[in-house]
Amino acid sequence: MHLKDFIRETLIQIVEGVSLAQKEITNRGGNVNPTGVGFTKDGQNTAYNHAIPQDVHFDIVLAQVEGSGVESGIGVFLGSFGIGSKAKSDAQNASTSKIQFTIPLMLPPGNSVR
């Protein structure tokens, strides 16, 4: 799987999961990602009329495969060893790199607590 596809699908799945959870939890009297709350983050008091931004942390291993009979490219490891290339031969070389980054994400707002 390409890195861009992995990031896109991960963020979409998070937002869709939160949205589905909000419906279920609201029906039970709870509130996911409420609006109109104050909070302290990194030692600073903050108030948001919207929901609180969340950081999505990624820690990803990328693999690049080259060799005879291999469609080369860079992909994300999924499972024990998945490199997103189509191998046609055992004669190949793979190298890996690890990257870490954070993407701020505004989740769908819940109900206001005000």
N, C-alpha and C. Protein backbone atom coordinates (compact mmCIF):
# COMPACT_ATOMS: atom_id res chain seq x y z
N MET A 1 0.86 -1.17 0.00
CA MET A 1 0.00 0.00 0.00
C MET A 1 0.90 1.23 0.00
N HIS A 2 0.58 2.20 -0.81
CA HIS A 2 1.37 3.43 -0.85
C HIS A 2 1.12 4.25 0.42
N LEU A 3 2.13 5.01 0.82
CA LEU A 3 2.04 5.82 2.02
C LEU A 3 0.86 6.78 1.97
N LYS A 4 0.66 7.46 0.85
CA LYS A 4 -0.43 8.43 0.74
C LYS A 4 -1.79 7.75 0.94
N ASP A 5 -1.94 6.54 0.41
CA ASP A 5 -3.20 5.81 0.58
C ASP A 5 -3.39 5.38 2.03
N PHE A 6 -2.31 4.94 2.67
CA PHE A 6 -2.38 4.53 4.06
C PHE A 6 -2.80 5.69 4.96
N ILE A 7 -2.19 6.85 4.77
CA ILE A 7 -2.52 8.03 5.59
C ILE A 7 -3.96 8.44 5.34
N ARG A 8 -4.36 8.54 4.08
CA ARG A 8 -5.73 8.93 3.74
C ARG A 8 -6.74 7.98 4.36
N GLU A 9 -6.55 6.69 4.17
CA GLU A 9 -7.51 5.72 4.69
C GLU A 9 -7.54 5.70 6.22
N THR A 10 -6.39 5.88 6.85
CA THR A 10 -6.35 5.91 8.31
C THR A 10 -7.16 7.09 8.85
N LEU A 11 -6.96 8.27 8.30
CA LEU A 11 -7.68 9.46 8.77
C LEU A 11 -9.18 9.34 8.49
N ILE A 12 -9.54 8.82 7.33
CA ILE A 12 -10.96 8.62 7.00
C ILE A 12 -11.59 7.65 7.98
N GLN A 13 -10.91 6.54 8.25
CA GLN A 13 -11.45 5.54 9.17
C GLN A 13 -11.61 6.09 10.58
N ILE A 14 -10.68 6.93 11.03
CA ILE A 14 -10.80 7.54 12.36
C ILE A 14 -12.04 8.42 12.42
N VAL A 15 -12.21 9.29 11.43
CA VAL A 15 -13.36 10.21 11.43
C VAL A 15 -14.68 9.43 11.32
N GLU A 16 -14.72 8.44 10.44
CA GLU A 16 -15.94 7.64 10.31
C GLU A 16 -16.24 6.87 11.60
N GLY A 17 -15.21 6.34 12.24
CA GLY A 17 -15.39 5.62 13.50
C GLY A 17 -15.92 6.52 14.61
N VAL A 18 -15.39 7.74 14.70
CA VAL A 18 -15.86 8.70 15.70
C VAL A 18 -17.30 9.07 15.42
N SER A 19 -17.62 9.31 14.17
CA SER A 19 -18.98 9.69 13.81
C SER A 19 -19.98 8.59 14.17
N LEU A 20 -19.64 7.35 13.87
CA LEU A 20 -20.51 6.23 14.22
C LEU A 20 -20.63 6.07 15.74
N ALA A 21 -19.52 6.23 16.44
CA ALA A 21 -19.53 6.11 17.90
C ALA A 21 -20.37 7.21 18.53
N GLN A 22 -20.31 8.43 17.98
CA GLN A 22 -21.10 9.53 18.52
C GLN A 22 -22.59 9.19 18.54
N LYS A 23 -23.09 8.62 17.46
CA LYS A 23 -24.51 8.27 17.38
C LYS A 23 -24.89 7.26 18.46
N GLU A 24 -24.07 6.23 18.61
CA GLU A 24 -24.36 5.19 19.59
C GLU A 24 -24.24 5.71 21.02
N ILE A 25 -23.21 6.48 21.29
CA ILE A 25 -22.96 6.95 22.65
C ILE A 25 -23.94 8.03 23.04
N THR A 26 -24.32 8.91 22.11
CA THR A 26 -25.32 9.94 22.39
C THR A 26 -26.65 9.29 22.78
N ASN A 27 -27.01 8.21 22.11
CA ASN A 27 -28.24 7.48 22.45
C ASN A 27 -28.20 6.90 23.85
N ARG A 28 -27.00 6.75 24.41
CA ARG A 28 -26.83 6.19 25.75
C ARG A 28 -26.53 7.28 26.78
N GLY A 29 -26.63 8.54 26.37
CA GLY A 29 -26.43 9.65 27.30
C GLY A 29 -25.02 10.17 27.40
N GLY A 30 -24.10 9.65 26.58
CA GLY A 30 -22.71 10.11 26.60
C GLY A 30 -22.49 11.19 25.56
N ASN A 31 -21.23 11.64 25.47
CA ASN A 31 -20.88 12.71 24.55
C ASN A 31 -19.44 12.51 24.09
N VAL A 32 -19.26 12.26 22.82
CA VAL A 32 -17.93 12.07 22.25
C VAL A 32 -17.46 13.37 21.61
N ASN A 33 -16.29 13.83 22.00
CA ASN A 33 -15.69 15.05 21.46
C ASN A 33 -16.61 16.27 21.64
N PRO A 34 -16.96 16.58 22.90
CA PRO A 34 -17.90 17.67 23.15
C PRO A 34 -17.34 19.03 22.75
N THR A 35 -18.24 19.95 22.42
CA THR A 35 -17.85 21.32 22.10
C THR A 35 -18.09 22.21 23.31
N GLY A 36 -17.52 23.40 23.27
CA GLY A 36 -17.72 24.37 24.34
C GLY A 36 -17.05 23.99 25.64
N VAL A 37 -15.88 23.38 25.57
CA VAL A 37 -15.17 22.98 26.78
C VAL A 37 -13.82 23.69 26.87
N GLY A 38 -13.34 23.87 28.07
CA GLY A 38 -12.01 24.38 28.29
C GLY A 38 -11.10 23.23 28.68
N PHE A 39 -9.83 23.34 28.35
CA PHE A 39 -8.89 22.28 28.69
C PHE A 39 -7.49 22.86 28.78
N THR A 40 -6.59 22.09 29.35
CA THR A 40 -5.19 22.47 29.43
C THR A 40 -4.39 21.52 28.55
N LYS A 41 -3.60 22.09 27.65
CA LYS A 41 -2.74 21.29 26.79
C LYS A 41 -1.38 21.96 26.73
N ASP A 42 -0.36 21.19 26.97
CA ASP A 42 1.01 21.69 26.97
C ASP A 42 1.17 22.88 27.93
N GLY A 43 0.49 22.79 29.07
CA GLY A 43 0.59 23.82 30.10
C GLY A 43 -0.17 25.09 29.83
N GLN A 44 -0.95 25.11 28.76
CA GLN A 44 -1.69 26.32 28.40
C GLN A 44 -3.19 26.05 28.47
N ASN A 45 -3.91 26.94 29.16
CA ASN A 45 -5.36 26.82 29.24
C ASN A 45 -5.97 27.32 27.93
N THR A 46 -6.88 26.55 27.39
CA THR A 46 -7.48 26.87 26.11
C THR A 46 -8.97 26.59 26.18
N ALA A 47 -9.74 27.39 25.49
CA ALA A 47 -11.18 27.14 25.36
C ALA A 47 -11.52 27.09 23.89
N TYR A 48 -12.28 26.09 23.50
CA TYR A 48 -12.70 25.93 22.11
C TYR A 48 -14.21 25.95 22.05
N ASN A 49 -14.76 26.72 21.14
CA ASN A 49 -16.19 26.65 20.90
C ASN A 49 -16.49 25.41 20.06
N HIS A 50 -15.51 25.00 19.28
CA HIS A 50 -15.63 23.79 18.48
C HIS A 50 -15.06 22.65 19.33
N ALA A 51 -14.87 21.51 18.76
CA ALA A 51 -14.29 20.38 19.48
C ALA A 51 -12.78 20.55 19.64
N ILE A 52 -12.19 19.75 20.50
CA ILE A 52 -10.76 19.82 20.78
C ILE A 52 -9.98 19.13 19.66
N PRO A 53 -9.00 19.81 19.06
CA PRO A 53 -8.18 19.15 18.03
C PRO A 53 -7.40 17.99 18.63
N GLN A 54 -7.26 16.92 17.87
CA GLN A 54 -6.53 15.74 18.31
C GLN A 54 -5.32 15.53 17.43
N ASP A 55 -4.25 15.01 18.00
CA ASP A 55 -3.06 14.67 17.23
C ASP A 55 -3.11 13.19 16.89
N VAL A 56 -2.94 12.88 15.61
CA VAL A 56 -2.84 11.49 15.17
C VAL A 56 -1.36 11.23 14.92
N HIS A 57 -0.79 10.33 15.72
CA HIS A 57 0.63 10.03 15.62
C HIS A 57 0.83 8.82 14.70
N PHE A 58 1.74 8.96 13.74
CA PHE A 58 2.08 7.87 12.84
C PHE A 58 3.51 7.44 13.12
N ASP A 59 3.74 6.15 13.15
CA ASP A 59 5.05 5.54 13.30
C ASP A 59 5.09 4.43 12.26
N ILE A 60 5.67 4.70 11.11
CA ILE A 60 5.49 3.85 9.93
C ILE A 60 6.83 3.31 9.44
N VAL A 61 6.81 2.05 9.01
CA VAL A 61 7.96 1.45 8.35
C VAL A 61 7.66 1.39 6.86
N LEU A 62 8.55 1.96 6.06
CA LEU A 62 8.42 1.93 4.60
C LEU A 62 9.44 0.95 4.03
N ALA A 63 9.07 0.31 2.94
CA ALA A 63 9.98 -0.61 2.29
C ALA A 63 10.12 -0.23 0.83
N GLN A 64 11.34 -0.32 0.33
CA GLN A 64 11.59 -0.12 -1.09
C GLN A 64 12.16 -1.43 -1.62
N VAL A 65 11.56 -1.92 -2.70
CA VAL A 65 11.97 -3.20 -3.27
C VAL A 65 12.50 -2.96 -4.68
N GLU A 66 13.63 -3.56 -4.97
CA GLU A 66 14.21 -3.50 -6.30
C GLU A 66 14.74 -4.88 -6.64
N GLY A 67 14.66 -5.25 -7.89
CA GLY A 67 15.22 -6.54 -8.30
C GLY A 67 14.66 -6.96 -9.63
N SER A 68 15.15 -8.09 -10.12
CA SER A 68 14.68 -8.59 -11.41
C SER A 68 13.28 -9.15 -11.26
N GLY A 69 12.42 -8.81 -12.20
CA GLY A 69 11.07 -9.33 -12.18
C GLY A 69 10.19 -8.74 -11.09
N VAL A 70 10.57 -7.58 -10.54
CA VAL A 70 9.80 -6.95 -9.47
C VAL A 70 9.38 -5.57 -9.93
N GLU A 71 8.12 -5.25 -9.73
CA GLU A 71 7.68 -3.88 -9.95
C GLU A 71 8.12 -3.08 -8.73
N SER A 72 9.15 -2.27 -8.89
CA SER A 72 9.73 -1.60 -7.73
C SER A 72 8.87 -0.42 -7.29
N GLY A 73 9.03 -0.07 -6.03
CA GLY A 73 8.32 1.06 -5.48
C GLY A 73 8.45 1.07 -3.97
N ILE A 74 7.87 2.08 -3.35
CA ILE A 74 7.90 2.22 -1.90
C ILE A 74 6.50 1.98 -1.38
N GLY A 75 6.40 1.20 -0.30
CA GLY A 75 5.09 0.92 0.28
C GLY A 75 5.17 0.82 1.79
N VAL A 76 4.02 0.76 2.42
CA VAL A 76 3.91 0.69 3.87
C VAL A 76 3.83 -0.77 4.27
N PHE A 77 4.56 -1.14 5.34
CA PHE A 77 4.45 -2.48 5.89
C PHE A 77 3.09 -2.65 6.53
N LEU A 78 2.38 -3.69 6.17
CA LEU A 78 1.13 -4.05 6.82
C LEU A 78 1.26 -5.51 7.21
N GLY A 79 1.02 -5.80 8.47
CA GLY A 79 1.19 -7.17 8.93
C GLY A 79 2.66 -7.48 9.11
N SER A 80 2.99 -8.76 9.00
CA SER A 80 4.37 -9.15 9.27
C SER A 80 5.33 -8.75 8.16
N PHE A 81 4.90 -8.84 6.89
CA PHE A 81 5.78 -8.43 5.81
C PHE A 81 4.96 -8.18 4.56
N GLY A 82 4.52 -6.98 4.37
CA GLY A 82 3.78 -6.61 3.17
C GLY A 82 4.39 -5.35 2.61
N ILE A 83 4.86 -5.40 1.37
CA ILE A 83 5.61 -4.25 0.87
C ILE A 83 4.96 -3.59 -0.33
N GLY A 84 3.78 -4.02 -0.70
CA GLY A 84 3.06 -3.34 -1.77
C GLY A 84 3.70 -3.45 -3.13
N SER A 85 4.46 -4.52 -3.39
CA SER A 85 5.02 -4.71 -4.73
C SER A 85 4.62 -6.09 -5.23
N LYS A 86 4.72 -6.28 -6.53
CA LYS A 86 4.37 -7.55 -7.13
C LYS A 86 5.65 -8.26 -7.53
N ALA A 87 6.00 -9.29 -6.79
CA ALA A 87 7.25 -10.00 -7.06
C ALA A 87 6.99 -11.13 -8.04
N LYS A 88 7.88 -11.26 -9.02
CA LYS A 88 7.81 -12.34 -9.99
C LYS A 88 9.04 -13.23 -9.90
N SER A 89 9.95 -12.88 -9.01
CA SER A 89 11.21 -13.61 -8.89
C SER A 89 11.71 -13.49 -7.47
N ASP A 90 12.55 -14.45 -7.06
CA ASP A 90 13.13 -14.39 -5.73
C ASP A 90 14.35 -13.48 -5.69
N ALA A 91 14.85 -13.05 -6.83
CA ALA A 91 16.04 -12.21 -6.89
C ALA A 91 15.62 -10.75 -6.70
N GLN A 92 15.61 -10.30 -5.43
CA GLN A 92 15.20 -8.93 -5.15
C GLN A 92 15.92 -8.41 -3.91
N ASN A 93 15.99 -7.11 -3.80
CA ASN A 93 16.58 -6.45 -2.63
C ASN A 93 15.54 -5.56 -2.02
N ALA A 94 15.44 -5.55 -0.69
CA ALA A 94 14.48 -4.70 0.01
C ALA A 94 15.23 -3.90 1.06
N SER A 95 14.89 -2.64 1.16
CA SER A 95 15.44 -1.80 2.23
C SER A 95 14.27 -1.12 2.91
N THR A 96 14.42 -0.85 4.20
CA THR A 96 13.33 -0.24 4.96
C THR A 96 13.79 1.06 5.59
N SER A 97 12.82 1.92 5.82
CA SER A 97 13.03 3.19 6.52
C SER A 97 11.86 3.39 7.46
N LYS A 98 12.13 3.98 8.59
CA LYS A 98 11.08 4.25 9.57
C LYS A 98 10.88 5.76 9.64
N ILE A 99 9.61 6.19 9.60
CA ILE A 99 9.30 7.61 9.73
C ILE A 99 8.25 7.79 10.83
N GLN A 100 8.33 8.91 11.49
CA GLN A 100 7.36 9.27 12.51
C GLN A 100 6.90 10.69 12.25
N PHE A 101 5.59 10.93 12.37
CA PHE A 101 5.06 12.27 12.20
C PHE A 101 3.68 12.34 12.85
N THR A 102 3.20 13.55 13.03
CA THR A 102 1.91 13.79 13.66
C THR A 102 1.08 14.69 12.76
N ILE A 103 -0.20 14.37 12.65
CA ILE A 103 -1.13 15.18 11.88
C ILE A 103 -2.26 15.63 12.81
N PRO A 104 -2.44 16.95 13.00
CA PRO A 104 -3.58 17.41 13.80
C PRO A 104 -4.88 17.11 13.04
N LEU A 105 -5.90 16.70 13.77
CA LEU A 105 -7.17 16.32 13.16
C LEU A 105 -8.31 16.87 14.00
N MET A 106 -9.20 17.60 13.35
CA MET A 106 -10.42 18.07 14.02
C MET A 106 -11.49 17.02 13.77
N LEU A 107 -11.87 16.33 14.81
CA LEU A 107 -12.89 15.29 14.70
C LEU A 107 -14.27 15.91 14.63
N PRO A 108 -15.27 15.16 14.18
CA PRO A 108 -16.62 15.70 14.14
C PRO A 108 -17.04 16.16 15.55
N PRO A 109 -17.62 17.36 15.66
CA PRO A 109 -17.96 17.86 16.98
C PRO A 109 -19.14 17.11 17.58
N GLY A 110 -19.05 16.92 18.88
CA GLY A 110 -20.16 16.32 19.62
C GLY A 110 -21.11 17.41 20.07
N ASN A 111 -21.90 17.11 21.08
CA ASN A 111 -22.86 18.08 21.62
C ASN A 111 -22.15 19.11 22.47
N SER A 112 -22.70 20.30 22.56
CA SER A 112 -22.14 21.37 23.38
C SER A 112 -22.43 21.08 24.85
N VAL A 113 -21.44 21.37 25.72
CA VAL A 113 -21.64 21.20 27.15
C VAL A 113 -22.09 22.50 27.80
N ARG A 114 -22.23 23.55 27.04
CA ARG A 114 -22.67 24.83 27.58
C ARG A 114 -24.16 24.93 27.61
